Amino acid sequence: MRSLLAQGGICGRLAYLAGVGAAAVALVGCAKSDPGPIVGTWRVEGAVAMTISYRPGETEALGLIEKVSYEVAGQGNEVIVKTESGPMAGVAMRIRVLGPDTLQSQLGVMRRVR
């Protein structure tokens, strides 16, 4: 690899660095198991009052534990939760972080359970 870079001169090096940079950006954008700012247990204050726990790689609500992936979006104030298994497989939900103890989603406002 080093000899190829040496032969390619500055253009070869720039192309190599651009490829490495693109791969790094692609990896950062990938879904992952870390729930980021929504980790923990939350109480939904909406039409259907329930408790939801967001843990690495899974959620738990109404006694159901489902495998999920998380993607932190926006400026770090949104998390997209995509269900990977169970009856809701393939469904994604966007959760907006309003504050350290408050979230907003399609389900309603969620408050952190301490």
PDB file of N, CA and C in Angstrom:
ATOM      1  N   MET A   1       0.840  -1.189   0.000  1.00  0.00           N
ATOM      2  CA  MET A   1       0.000   0.000   0.000  1.00  0.00           C
ATOM      3  C   MET A   1       0.881   1.246   0.000  1.00  0.00           C
ATOM      4  N   ARG A   2       1.936   1.220   0.792  1.00  0.00           N
ATOM      5  CA  ARG A   2       2.814   2.386   0.879  1.00  0.00           C
ATOM      6  C   ARG A   2       3.448   2.686  -0.466  1.00  0.00           C
ATOM      7  N   SER A   3       3.876   1.645  -1.184  1.00  0.00           N
ATOM      8  CA  SER A   3       4.517   1.872  -2.477  1.00  0.00           C
ATOM      9  C   SER A   3       3.519   2.465  -3.483  1.00  0.00           C
ATOM     10  N   LEU A   4       2.256   2.048  -3.389  1.00  0.00           N
ATOM     11  CA  LEU A   4       1.247   2.615  -4.287  1.00  0.00           C
ATOM     12  C   LEU A   4       1.059   4.098  -4.009  1.00  0.00           C
ATOM     13  N   LEU A   5       1.066   4.459  -2.728  1.00  0.00           N
ATOM     14  CA  LEU A   5       0.925   5.874  -2.391  1.00  0.00           C
ATOM     15  C   LEU A   5       2.118   6.669  -2.874  1.00  0.00           C
ATOM     16  N   ALA A   6       3.300   6.092  -2.730  1.00  0.00           N
ATOM     17  CA  ALA A   6       4.516   6.781  -3.154  1.00  0.00           C
ATOM     18  C   ALA A   6       4.500   6.974  -4.662  1.00  0.00           C
ATOM     19  N   GLN A   7       3.997   5.995  -5.414  1.00  0.00           N
ATOM     20  CA  GLN A   7       3.959   6.099  -6.864  1.00  0.00           C
ATOM     21  C   GLN A   7       2.896   7.090  -7.330  1.00  0.00           C
ATOM     22  N   GLY A   8       1.839   7.228  -6.570  1.00  0.00           N
ATOM     23  CA  GLY A   8       0.736   8.083  -6.990  1.00  0.00           C
ATOM     24  C   GLY A   8       0.977   9.561  -6.732  1.00  0.00           C
ATOM     25  N   GLY A   9       2.021   9.903  -6.025  1.00  0.00           N
ATOM     26  CA  GLY A   9       2.296  11.291  -5.716  1.00  0.00           C
ATOM     27  C   GLY A   9       1.223  11.909  -4.854  1.00  0.00           C
ATOM     28  N   ILE A  10       1.110  13.220  -4.905  1.00  0.00           N
ATOM     29  CA  ILE A  10       0.159  13.933  -4.054  1.00  0.00           C
ATOM     30  C   ILE A  10      -1.282  13.583  -4.416  1.00  0.00           C
ATOM     31  N   CYS A  11      -1.585  13.397  -5.701  1.00  0.00           N
ATOM     32  CA  CYS A  11      -2.960  13.053  -6.104  1.00  0.00           C
ATOM     33  C   CYS A  11      -3.352  11.689  -5.568  1.00  0.00           C
ATOM     34  N   GLY A  12      -2.435  10.733  -5.597  1.00  0.00           N
ATOM     35  CA  GLY A  12      -2.715   9.407  -5.063  1.00  0.00           C
ATOM     36  C   GLY A  12      -2.963   9.453  -3.575  1.00  0.00           C
ATOM     37  N   ARG A  13      -2.179  10.239  -2.880  1.00  0.00           N
ATOM     38  CA  ARG A  13      -2.354  10.380  -1.428  1.00  0.00           C
ATOM     39  C   ARG A  13      -3.693  11.036  -1.093  1.00  0.00           C
ATOM     40  N   LEU A  14      -4.052  12.071  -1.841  1.00  0.00           N
ATOM     41  CA  LEU A  14      -5.332  12.742  -1.598  1.00  0.00           C
ATOM     42  C   LEU A  14      -6.502  11.806  -1.865  1.00  0.00           C
ATOM     43  N   ALA A  15      -6.408  11.015  -2.943  1.00  0.00           N
ATOM     44  CA  ALA A  15      -7.481  10.060  -3.243  1.00  0.00           C
ATOM     45  C   ALA A  15      -7.603   9.023  -2.131  1.00  0.00           C
ATOM     46  N   TYR A  16      -6.460   8.554  -1.622  1.00  0.00           N
ATOM     47  CA  TYR A  16      -6.468   7.577  -0.527  1.00  0.00           C
ATOM     48  C   TYR A  16      -7.116   8.183   0.718  1.00  0.00           C
ATOM     49  N   LEU A  17      -6.725   9.402   1.080  1.00  0.00           N
ATOM     50  CA  LEU A  17      -7.288  10.057   2.261  1.00  0.00           C
ATOM     51  C   LEU A  17      -8.778  10.326   2.084  1.00  0.00           C
ATOM     52  N   ALA A  18      -9.198  10.669   0.869  1.00  0.00           N
ATOM     53  CA  ALA A  18     -10.626  10.890   0.620  1.00  0.00           C
ATOM     54  C   ALA A  18     -11.402   9.598   0.812  1.00  0.00           C
ATOM     55  N   GLY A  19     -10.844   8.484   0.348  1.00  0.00           N
ATOM     56  CA  GLY A  19     -11.497   7.187   0.539  1.00  0.00           C
ATOM     57  C   GLY A  19     -11.602   6.815   1.998  1.00  0.00           C
ATOM     58  N   VAL A  20     -10.532   7.042   2.757  1.00  0.00           N
ATOM     59  CA  VAL A  20     -10.552   6.755   4.195  1.00  0.00           C
ATOM     60  C   VAL A  20     -11.570   7.645   4.893  1.00  0.00           C
ATOM     61  N   GLY A  21     -11.626   8.922   4.517  1.00  0.00           N
ATOM     62  CA  GLY A  21     -12.588   9.845   5.124  1.00  0.00           C
ATOM     63  C   GLY A  21     -14.019   9.445   4.827  1.00  0.00           C
ATOM     64  N   ALA A  22     -14.297   9.022   3.594  1.00  0.00           N
ATOM     65  CA  ALA A  22     -15.649   8.600   3.237  1.00  0.00           C
ATOM     66  C   ALA A  22     -16.057   7.357   4.021  1.00  0.00           C
ATOM     67  N   ALA A  23     -15.117   6.436   4.198  1.00  0.00           N
ATOM     68  CA  ALA A  23     -15.415   5.225   4.977  1.00  0.00           C
ATOM     69  C   ALA A  23     -15.704   5.585   6.426  1.00  0.00           C
ATOM     70  N   ALA A  24     -14.960   6.521   6.989  1.00  0.00           N
ATOM     71  CA  ALA A  24     -15.189   6.939   8.377  1.00  0.00           C
ATOM     72  C   ALA A  24     -16.558   7.582   8.530  1.00  0.00           C
ATOM     73  N   VAL A  25     -16.948   8.425   7.577  1.00  0.00           N
ATOM     74  CA  VAL A  25     -18.265   9.065   7.635  1.00  0.00           C
ATOM     75  C   VAL A  25     -19.361   8.016   7.527  1.00  0.00           C
ATOM     76  N   ALA A  26     -19.189   7.031   6.665  1.00  0.00           N
ATOM     77  CA  ALA A  26     -20.183   5.978   6.513  1.00  0.00           C
ATOM     78  C   ALA A  26     -20.332   5.187   7.803  1.00  0.00           C
ATOM     79  N   LEU A  27     -19.234   4.910   8.476  1.00  0.00           N
ATOM     80  CA  LEU A  27     -19.298   4.161   9.732  1.00  0.00           C
ATOM     81  C   LEU A  27     -19.985   4.960  10.824  1.00  0.00           C
ATOM     82  N   VAL A  28     -19.725   6.237  10.890  1.00  0.00           N
ATOM     83  CA  VAL A  28     -20.347   7.076  11.910  1.00  0.00           C
ATOM     84  C   VAL A  28     -21.850   7.130  11.702  1.00  0.00           C
ATOM     85  N   GLY A  29     -22.309   7.147  10.458  1.00  0.00           N
ATOM     86  CA  GLY A  29     -23.729   7.232  10.159  1.00  0.00           C
ATOM     87  C   GLY A  29     -24.485   5.924  10.335  1.00  0.00           C
ATOM     88  N   CYS A  30     -23.780   4.839  10.552  1.00  0.00           N
ATOM     89  CA  CYS A  30     -24.444   3.537  10.682  1.00  0.00           C
ATOM     90  C   CYS A  30     -25.226   3.441  11.987  1.00  0.00           C
ATOM     91  N   ALA A  31     -26.260   2.623  11.937  1.00  0.00           N
ATOM     92  CA  ALA A  31     -27.045   2.365  13.140  1.00  0.00           C
ATOM     93  C   ALA A  31     -26.190   1.587  14.121  1.00  0.00           C
ATOM     94  N   LYS A  32     -26.484   1.748  15.398  1.00  0.00           N
ATOM     95  CA  LYS A  32     -25.693   1.059  16.415  1.00  0.00           C
ATOM     96  C   LYS A  32     -26.576   0.662  17.575  1.00  0.00           C
ATOM     97  N   SER A  33     -25.967  -0.004  18.542  1.00  0.00           N
ATOM     98  CA  SER A  33     -26.752  -0.501  19.668  1.00  0.00           C
ATOM     99  C   SER A  33     -26.825   0.488  20.833  1.00  0.00           C
ATOM    100  N   ASP A  34     -26.039   1.550  20.823  1.00  0.00           N
ATOM    101  CA  ASP A  34     -26.023   2.518  21.928  1.00  0.00           C
ATOM    102  C   ASP A  34     -27.173   3.509  21.789  1.00  0.00           C
ATOM    103  N   PRO A  35     -28.068   3.565  22.794  1.00  0.00           N
ATOM    104  CA  PRO A  35     -29.200   4.490  22.701  1.00  0.00           C
ATOM    105  C   PRO A  35     -28.839   5.961  22.904  1.00  0.00           C
ATOM    106  N   GLY A  36     -27.596   6.241  23.207  1.00  0.00           N
ATOM    107  CA  GLY A  36     -27.168   7.632  23.357  1.00  0.00           C
ATOM    108  C   GLY A  36     -27.933   8.362  24.446  1.00  0.00           C
ATOM    109  N   PRO A  37     -28.459   9.568  24.137  1.00  0.00           N
ATOM    110  CA  PRO A  37     -29.083  10.398  25.172  1.00  0.00           C
ATOM    111  C   PRO A  37     -30.415   9.875  25.701  1.00  0.00           C
ATOM    112  N   ILE A  38     -30.984   8.835  25.082  1.00  0.00           N
ATOM    113  CA  ILE A  38     -32.278   8.332  25.571  1.00  0.00           C
ATOM    114  C   ILE A  38     -32.129   7.095  26.451  1.00  0.00           C
ATOM    115  N   VAL A  39     -30.905   6.683  26.739  1.00  0.00           N
ATOM    116  CA  VAL A  39     -30.701   5.495  27.572  1.00  0.00           C
ATOM    117  C   VAL A  39     -31.411   5.675  28.912  1.00  0.00           C
ATOM    118  N   GLY A  40     -32.060   4.623  29.366  1.00  0.00           N
ATOM    119  CA  GLY A  40     -32.756   4.682  30.653  1.00  0.00           C
ATOM    120  C   GLY A  40     -34.222   4.316  30.525  1.00  0.00           C
ATOM    121  N   THR A  41     -34.956   4.587  31.581  1.00  0.00           N
ATOM    122  CA  THR A  41     -36.374   4.247  31.641  1.00  0.00           C
ATOM    123  C   THR A  41     -37.200   5.527  31.636  1.00  0.00           C
ATOM    124  N   TRP A  42     -38.269   5.522  30.831  1.00  0.00           N
ATOM    125  CA  TRP A  42     -39.094   6.703  30.615  1.00  0.00           C
ATOM    126  C   TRP A  42     -40.568   6.347  30.772  1.00  0.00           C
ATOM    127  N   ARG A  43     -41.343   7.295  31.268  1.00  0.00           N
ATOM    128  CA  ARG A  43     -42.805   7.140  31.420  1.00  0.00           C
ATOM    129  C   ARG A  43     -43.477   8.005  30.365  1.00  0.00           C
ATOM    130  N   VAL A  44     -44.317   7.383  29.535  1.00  0.00           N
ATOM    131  CA  VAL A  44     -45.029   8.105  28.481  1.00  0.00           C
ATOM    132  C   VAL A  44     -46.246   8.782  29.086  1.00  0.00           C
ATOM    133  N   GLU A  45     -46.409  10.074  28.804  1.00  0.00           N
ATOM    134  CA  GLU A  45     -47.571  10.841  29.253  1.00  0.00           C
ATOM    135  C   GLU A  45     -48.441  11.143  28.039  1.00  0.00           C
ATOM    136  N   GLY A  46     -49.047  10.128  27.486  1.00  0.00           N
ATOM    137  CA  GLY A  46     -49.871  10.327  26.299  1.00  0.00           C
ATOM    138  C   GLY A  46     -51.159   9.552  26.413  1.00  0.00           C
ATOM    139  N   ALA A  47     -51.757   9.279  25.253  1.00  0.00           N
ATOM    140  CA  ALA A  47     -53.013   8.535  25.221  1.00  0.00           C
ATOM    141  C   ALA A  47     -52.869   7.155  25.844  1.00  0.00           C
ATOM    142  N   VAL A  48     -51.692   6.547  25.658  1.00  0.00           N
ATOM    143  CA  VAL A  48     -51.414   5.233  26.240  1.00  0.00           C
ATOM    144  C   VAL A  48     -50.269   5.405  27.231  1.00  0.00           C
ATOM    145  N   ALA A  49     -50.584   5.502  28.515  1.00  0.00           N
ATOM    146  CA  ALA A  49     -49.546   5.659  29.532  1.00  0.00           C
ATOM    147  C   ALA A  49     -48.808   4.333  29.703  1.00  0.00           C
ATOM    148  N   MET A  50     -47.491   4.374  29.544  1.00  0.00           N
ATOM    149  CA  MET A  50     -46.680   3.176  29.714  1.00  0.00           C
ATOM    150  C   MET A  50     -45.254   3.581  30.045  1.00  0.00           C
ATOM    151  N   THR A  51     -44.475   2.591  30.428  1.00  0.00           N
ATOM    152  CA  THR A  51     -43.061   2.791  30.723  1.00  0.00           C
ATOM    153  C   THR A  51     -42.248   2.105  29.636  1.00  0.00           C
ATOM    154  N   ILE A  52     -41.230   2.801  29.136  1.00  0.00           N
ATOM    155  CA  ILE A  52     -40.346   2.263  28.103  1.00  0.00           C
ATOM    156  C   ILE A  52     -38.911   2.368  28.602  1.00  0.00           C
ATOM    157  N   SER A  53     -38.165   1.278  28.465  1.00  0.00           N
ATOM    158  CA  SER A  53     -36.739   1.282  28.796  1.00  0.00           C
ATOM    159  C   SER A  53     -35.935   1.149  27.513  1.00  0.00           C
ATOM    160  N   TYR A  54     -34.952   2.035  27.348  1.00  0.00           N
ATOM    161  CA  TYR A  54     -34.031   1.984  26.215  1.00  0.00           C
ATOM    162  C   TYR A  54     -32.688   1.509  26.744  1.00  0.00           C
ATOM    163  N   ARG A  55     -32.254   0.341  26.279  1.00  0.00           N
ATOM    164  CA  ARG A  55     -30.984  -0.260  26.692  1.00  0.00           C
ATOM    165  C   ARG A  55     -30.166  -0.558  25.447  1.00  0.00           C
ATOM    166  N   PRO A  56     -28.869  -0.798  25.607  1.00  0.00           N
ATOM    167  CA  PRO A  56     -28.061  -1.127  24.432  1.00  0.00           C
ATOM    168  C   PRO A  56     -28.655  -2.302  23.648  1.00  0.00           C
ATOM    169  N   GLY A  57     -29.029  -2.042  22.395  1.00  0.00           N
ATOM    170  CA  GLY A  57     -29.521  -3.063  21.494  1.00  0.00           C
ATOM    171  C   GLY A  57     -30.950  -3.513  21.685  1.00  0.00           C
ATOM    172  N   GLU A  58     -31.661  -2.953  22.675  1.00  0.00           N
ATOM    173  CA  GLU A  58     -33.036  -3.401  22.897  1.00  0.00           C
ATOM    174  C   GLU A  58     -33.875  -2.349  23.602  1.00  0.00           C
ATOM    175  N   THR A  59     -35.202  -2.538  23.487  1.00  0.00           N
ATOM    176  CA  THR A  59     -36.157  -1.742  24.258  1.00  0.00           C
ATOM    177  C   THR A  59     -37.080  -2.709  24.985  1.00  0.00           C
ATOM    178  N   GLU A  60     -37.704  -2.202  26.048  1.00  0.00           N
ATOM    179  CA  GLU A  60     -38.702  -2.993  26.758  1.00  0.00           C
ATOM    180  C   GLU A  60     -39.898  -2.112  27.054  1.00  0.00           C
ATOM    181  N   ALA A  61     -41.074  -2.582  26.651  1.00  0.00           N
ATOM    182  CA  ALA A  61     -42.319  -1.864  26.906  1.00  0.00           C
ATOM    183  C   ALA A  61     -43.453  -2.879  26.950  1.00  0.00           C
ATOM    184  N   LEU A  62     -44.347  -2.699  27.890  1.00  0.00           N
ATOM    185  CA  LEU A  62     -45.506  -3.575  28.040  1.00  0.00           C
ATOM    186  C   LEU A  62     -45.109  -5.048  28.131  1.00  0.00           C
ATOM    187  N   GLY A  63     -43.965  -5.305  28.752  1.00  0.00           N
ATOM    188  CA  GLY A  63     -43.500  -6.675  28.932  1.00  0.00           C
ATOM    189  C   GLY A  63     -42.817  -7.285  27.719  1.00  0.00           C
ATOM    190  N   LEU A  64     -42.741  -6.545  26.605  1.00  0.00           N
ATOM    191  CA  LEU A  64     -42.079  -7.029  25.397  1.00  0.00           C
ATOM    192  C   LEU A  64     -40.666  -6.475  25.306  1.00  0.00           C
ATOM    193  N   ILE A  65     -39.699  -7.343  25.092  1.00  0.00           N
ATOM    194  CA  ILE A  65     -38.322  -6.925  24.849  1.00  0.00           C
ATOM    195  C   ILE A  65     -38.055  -7.146  23.364  1.00  0.00           C
ATOM    196  N   GLU A  66     -37.665  -6.075  22.686  1.00  0.00           N
ATOM    197  CA  GLU A  66     -37.412  -6.152  21.252  1.00  0.00           C
ATOM    198  C   GLU A  66     -36.011  -5.677  20.936  1.00  0.00           C
ATOM    199  N   LYS A  67     -35.389  -6.321  19.960  1.00  0.00           N
ATOM    200  CA  LYS A  67     -34.073  -5.910  19.475  1.00  0.00           C
ATOM    201  C   LYS A  67     -34.254  -4.668  18.607  1.00  0.00           C
ATOM    202  N   VAL A  68     -33.411  -3.679  18.839  1.00  0.00           N
ATOM    203  CA  VAL A  68     -33.494  -2.430  18.082  1.00  0.00           C
ATOM    204  C   VAL A  68     -32.101  -1.936  17.723  1.00  0.00           C
ATOM    205  N   SER A  69     -32.073  -0.994  16.792  1.00  0.00           N
ATOM    206  CA  SER A  69     -30.852  -0.244  16.516  1.00  0.00           C
ATOM    207  C   SER A  69     -31.180   1.225  16.722  1.00  0.00           C
ATOM    208  N   TYR A  70     -30.163   1.991  17.062  1.00  0.00           N
ATOM    209  CA  TYR A  70     -30.340   3.416  17.336  1.00  0.00           C
ATOM    210  C   TYR A  70     -29.457   4.219  16.388  1.00  0.00           C
ATOM    211  N   GLU A  71     -29.975   5.350  15.943  1.00  0.00           N
ATOM    212  CA  GLU A  71     -29.187   6.280  15.143  1.00  0.00           C
ATOM    213  C   GLU A  71     -29.397   7.681  15.707  1.00  0.00           C
ATOM    214  N   VAL A  72     -28.329   8.286  16.198  1.00  0.00           N
ATOM    215  CA  VAL A  72     -28.411   9.655  16.703  1.00  0.00           C
ATOM    216  C   VAL A  72     -28.407  10.575  15.493  1.00  0.00           C
ATOM    217  N   ALA A  73     -29.414  11.444  15.403  1.00  0.00           N
ATOM    218  CA  ALA A  73     -29.593  12.299  14.233  1.00  0.00           C
ATOM    219  C   ALA A  73     -29.662  13.761  14.653  1.00  0.00           C
ATOM    220  N   GLY A  74     -29.919  14.606  13.666  1.00  0.00           N
ATOM    221  CA  GLY A  74     -30.014  16.035  13.943  1.00  0.00           C
ATOM    222  C   GLY A  74     -28.679  16.528  14.472  1.00  0.00           C
ATOM    223  N   GLN A  75     -28.727  17.322  15.485  1.00  0.00           N
ATOM    224  CA  GLN A  75     -27.508  17.821  16.130  1.00  0.00           C
ATOM    225  C   GLN A  75     -27.299  17.092  17.452  1.00  0.00           C
ATOM    226  N   GLY A  76     -27.630  15.791  17.452  1.00  0.00           N
ATOM    227  CA  GLY A  76     -27.495  14.993  18.664  1.00  0.00           C
ATOM    228  C   GLY A  76     -28.728  15.043  19.538  1.00  0.00           C
ATOM    229  N   ASN A  77     -29.754  15.778  19.083  1.00  0.00           N
ATOM    230  CA  ASN A  77     -30.968  15.915  19.892  1.00  0.00           C
ATOM    231  C   ASN A  77     -32.116  15.043  19.388  1.00  0.00           C
ATOM    232  N   GLU A  78     -31.829  14.154  18.441  1.00  0.00           N
ATOM    233  CA  GLU A  78     -32.830  13.219  17.954  1.00  0.00           C
ATOM    234  C   GLU A  78     -32.219  11.829  17.876  1.00  0.00           C
ATOM    235  N   VAL A  79     -33.025  10.836  18.202  1.00  0.00           N
ATOM    236  CA  VAL A  79     -32.591   9.452  18.083  1.00  0.00           C
ATOM    237  C   VAL A  79     -33.668   8.703  17.304  1.00  0.00           C
ATOM    238  N   ILE A  80     -33.245   7.987  16.277  1.00  0.00           N
ATOM    239  CA  ILE A  80     -34.165   7.156  15.510  1.00  0.00           C
ATOM    240  C   ILE A  80     -34.007   5.734  16.029  1.00  0.00           C
ATOM    241  N   VAL A  81     -35.101   5.179  16.530  1.00  0.00           N
ATOM    242  CA  VAL A  81     -35.110   3.822  17.077  1.00  0.00           C
ATOM    243  C   VAL A  81     -35.787   2.931  16.047  1.00  0.00           C
ATOM    244  N   LYS A  82     -35.036   1.958  15.523  1.00  0.00           N
ATOM    245  CA  LYS A  82     -35.587   1.039  14.516  1.00  0.00           C
ATOM    246  C   LYS A  82     -35.692  -0.353  15.121  1.00  0.00           C
ATOM    247  N   THR A  83     -36.898  -0.895  15.113  1.00  0.00           N
ATOM    248  CA  THR A  83     -37.138  -2.229  15.657  1.00  0.00           C
ATOM    249  C   THR A  83     -36.612  -3.270  14.680  1.00  0.00           C
ATOM    250  N   GLU A  84     -35.784  -4.172  15.190  1.00  0.00           N
ATOM    251  CA  GLU A  84     -35.148  -5.186  14.353  1.00  0.00           C
ATOM    252  C   GLU A  84     -35.816  -6.554  14.468  1.00  0.00           C
ATOM    253  N   SER A  85     -36.663  -6.760  15.487  1.00  0.00           N
ATOM    254  CA  SER A  85     -37.311  -8.064  15.671  1.00  0.00           C
ATOM    255  C   SER A  85     -38.683  -7.872  16.294  1.00  0.00           C
ATOM    256  N   GLY A  86     -39.423  -8.956  16.370  1.00  0.00           N
ATOM    257  CA  GLY A  86     -40.735  -8.894  17.006  1.00  0.00           C
ATOM    258  C   GLY A  86     -41.813  -8.412  16.071  1.00  0.00           C
ATOM    259  N   PRO A  87     -43.000  -8.171  16.619  1.00  0.00           N
ATOM    260  CA  PRO A  87     -44.147  -7.799  15.782  1.00  0.00           C
ATOM    261  C   PRO A  87     -43.980  -6.453  15.086  1.00  0.00           C
ATOM    262  N   MET A  88     -43.108  -5.620  15.564  1.00  0.00           N
ATOM    263  CA  MET A  88     -42.909  -4.287  14.972  1.00  0.00           C
ATOM    264  C   MET A  88     -41.621  -4.198  14.141  1.00  0.00           C
ATOM    265  N   ALA A  89     -41.058  -5.326  13.736  1.00  0.00           N
ATOM    266  CA  ALA A  89     -39.799  -5.350  12.977  1.00  0.00           C
ATOM    267  C   ALA A  89     -39.882  -4.427  11.765  1.00  0.00           C
ATOM    268  N   GLY A  90     -38.863  -3.602  11.608  1.00  0.00           N
ATOM    269  CA  GLY A  90     -38.796  -2.675  10.480  1.00  0.00           C
ATOM    270  C   GLY A  90     -39.389  -1.307  10.744  1.00  0.00           C
ATOM    271  N   VAL A  91     -40.119  -1.154  11.833  1.00  0.00           N
ATOM    272  CA  VAL A  91     -40.734   0.132  12.164  1.00  0.00           C
ATOM    273  C   VAL A  91     -39.698   1.017  12.867  1.00  0.00           C
ATOM    274  N   ALA A  92     -39.642   2.274  12.468  1.00  0.00           N
ATOM    275  CA  ALA A  92     -38.724   3.231  13.083  1.00  0.00           C
ATOM    276  C   ALA A  92     -39.515   4.361  13.730  1.00  0.00           C
ATOM    277  N   MET A  93     -38.997   4.869  14.830  1.00  0.00           N
ATOM    278  CA  MET A  93     -39.639   5.976  15.536  1.00  0.00           C
ATOM    279  C   MET A  93     -38.579   7.032  15.859  1.00  0.00           C
ATOM    280  N   ARG A  94     -38.899   8.279  15.581  1.00  0.00           N
ATOM    281  CA  ARG A  94     -37.994   9.396  15.880  1.00  0.00           C
ATOM    282  C   ARG A  94     -38.337   9.944  17.266  1.00  0.00           C
ATOM    283  N   ILE A  95     -37.310  10.065  18.092  1.00  0.00           N
ATOM    284  CA  ILE A  95     -37.481  10.607  19.443  1.00  0.00           C
ATOM    285  C   ILE A  95     -36.634  11.864  19.555  1.00  0.00           C
ATOM    286  N   ARG A  96     -37.254  12.951  19.958  1.00  0.00           N
ATOM    287  CA  ARG A  96     -36.559  14.235  20.112  1.00  0.00           C
ATOM    288  C   ARG A  96     -36.259  14.463  21.589  1.00  0.00           C
ATOM    289  N   VAL A  97     -35.030  14.827  21.876  1.00  0.00           N
ATOM    290  CA  VAL A  97     -34.604  15.126  23.245  1.00  0.00           C
ATOM    291  C   VAL A  97     -34.925  16.593  23.517  1.00  0.00           C
ATOM    292  N   LEU A  98     -35.838  16.838  24.453  1.00  0.00           N
ATOM    293  CA  LEU A  98     -36.215  18.209  24.810  1.00  0.00           C
ATOM    294  C   LEU A  98     -35.386  18.738  25.969  1.00  0.00           C
ATOM    295  N   GLY A  99     -34.883  17.833  26.779  1.00  0.00           N
ATOM    296  CA  GLY A  99     -34.071  18.189  27.943  1.00  0.00           C
ATOM    297  C   GLY A  99     -33.533  16.913  28.548  1.00  0.00           C
ATOM    298  N   PRO A 100     -32.737  17.010  29.609  1.00  0.00           N
ATOM    299  CA  PRO A 100     -32.126  15.814  30.188  1.00  0.00           C
ATOM    300  C   PRO A 100     -33.136  14.801  30.724  1.00  0.00           C
ATOM    301  N   ASP A 101     -34.353  15.251  31.053  1.00  0.00           N
ATOM    302  CA  ASP A 101     -35.364  14.361  31.615  1.00  0.00           C
ATOM    303  C   ASP A 101     -36.668  14.351  30.829  1.00  0.00           C
ATOM    304  N   THR A 102     -36.641  14.884  29.593  1.00  0.00           N
ATOM    305  CA  THR A 102     -37.866  14.984  28.792  1.00  0.00           C
ATOM    306  C   THR A 102     -37.590  14.632  27.338  1.00  0.00           C
ATOM    307  N   LEU A 103     -38.435  13.742  26.803  1.00  0.00           N
ATOM    308  CA  LEU A 103     -38.374  13.355  25.393  1.00  0.00           C
ATOM    309  C   LEU A 103     -39.731  13.603  24.747  1.00  0.00           C
ATOM    310  N   GLN A 104     -39.746  13.715  23.422  1.00  0.00           N
ATOM    311  CA  GLN A 104     -40.985  13.841  22.659  1.00  0.00           C
ATOM    312  C   GLN A 104     -40.945  12.823  21.525  1.00  0.00           C
ATOM    313  N   SER A 105     -42.035  12.064  21.362  1.00  0.00           N
ATOM    314  CA  SER A 105     -42.142  11.115  20.255  1.00  0.00           C
ATOM    315  C   SER A 105     -43.588  11.076  19.781  1.00  0.00           C
ATOM    316  N   GLN A 106     -43.862  10.196  18.814  1.00  0.00           N
ATOM    317  CA  GLN A 106     -45.224  10.033  18.320  1.00  0.00           C
ATOM    318  C   GLN A 106     -46.144   9.509  19.419  1.00  0.00           C
ATOM    319  N   LEU A 107     -45.570   8.879  20.444  1.00  0.00           N
ATOM    320  CA  LEU A 107     -46.365   8.354  21.555  1.00  0.00           C
ATOM    321  C   LEU A 107     -46.788   9.433  22.538  1.00  0.00           C
ATOM    322  N   GLY A 108     -46.078  10.553  22.534  1.00  0.00           N
ATOM    323  CA  GLY A 108     -46.351  11.640  23.472  1.00  0.00           C
ATOM    324  C   GLY A 108     -45.076  12.082  24.168  1.00  0.00           C
ATOM    325  N   VAL A 109     -45.240  12.861  25.223  1.00  0.00           N
ATOM    326  CA  VAL A 109     -44.100  13.335  26.014  1.00  0.00           C
ATOM    327  C   VAL A 109     -43.673  12.209  26.958  1.00  0.00           C
ATOM    328  N   MET A 110     -42.364  12.035  27.096  1.00  0.00           N
ATOM    329  CA  MET A 110     -41.820  11.029  28.002  1.00  0.00           C
ATOM    330  C   MET A 110     -40.973  11.705  29.060  1.00  0.00           C
ATOM    331  N   ARG A 111     -41.134  11.279  30.288  1.00  0.00           N
ATOM    332  CA  ARG A 111     -40.360  11.801  31.431  1.00  0.00           C
ATOM    333  C   ARG A 111     -39.492  10.677  31.988  1.00  0.00           C
ATOM    334  N   ARG A 112     -38.254  11.031  32.321  1.00  0.00           N
ATOM    335  CA  ARG A 112     -37.311  10.052  32.863  1.00  0.00           C
ATOM    336  C   ARG A 112     -37.800   9.532  34.202  1.00  0.00           C
ATOM    337  N   VAL A 113     -37.704   8.215  34.411  1.00  0.00           N
ATOM    338  CA  VAL A 113     -38.041   7.579  35.674  1.00  0.00           C
ATOM    339  C   VAL A 113     -36.750   7.458  36.466  1.00  0.00           C
ATOM    340  N   ARG A 114     -36.777   7.952  37.688  1.00  0.00           N
ATOM    341  CA  ARG A 114     -35.556   7.892  38.525  1.00  0.00           C
ATOM    342  C   ARG A 114     -35.670   6.792  39.530  1.00  0.00           C
TER     343      ARG A 114
END
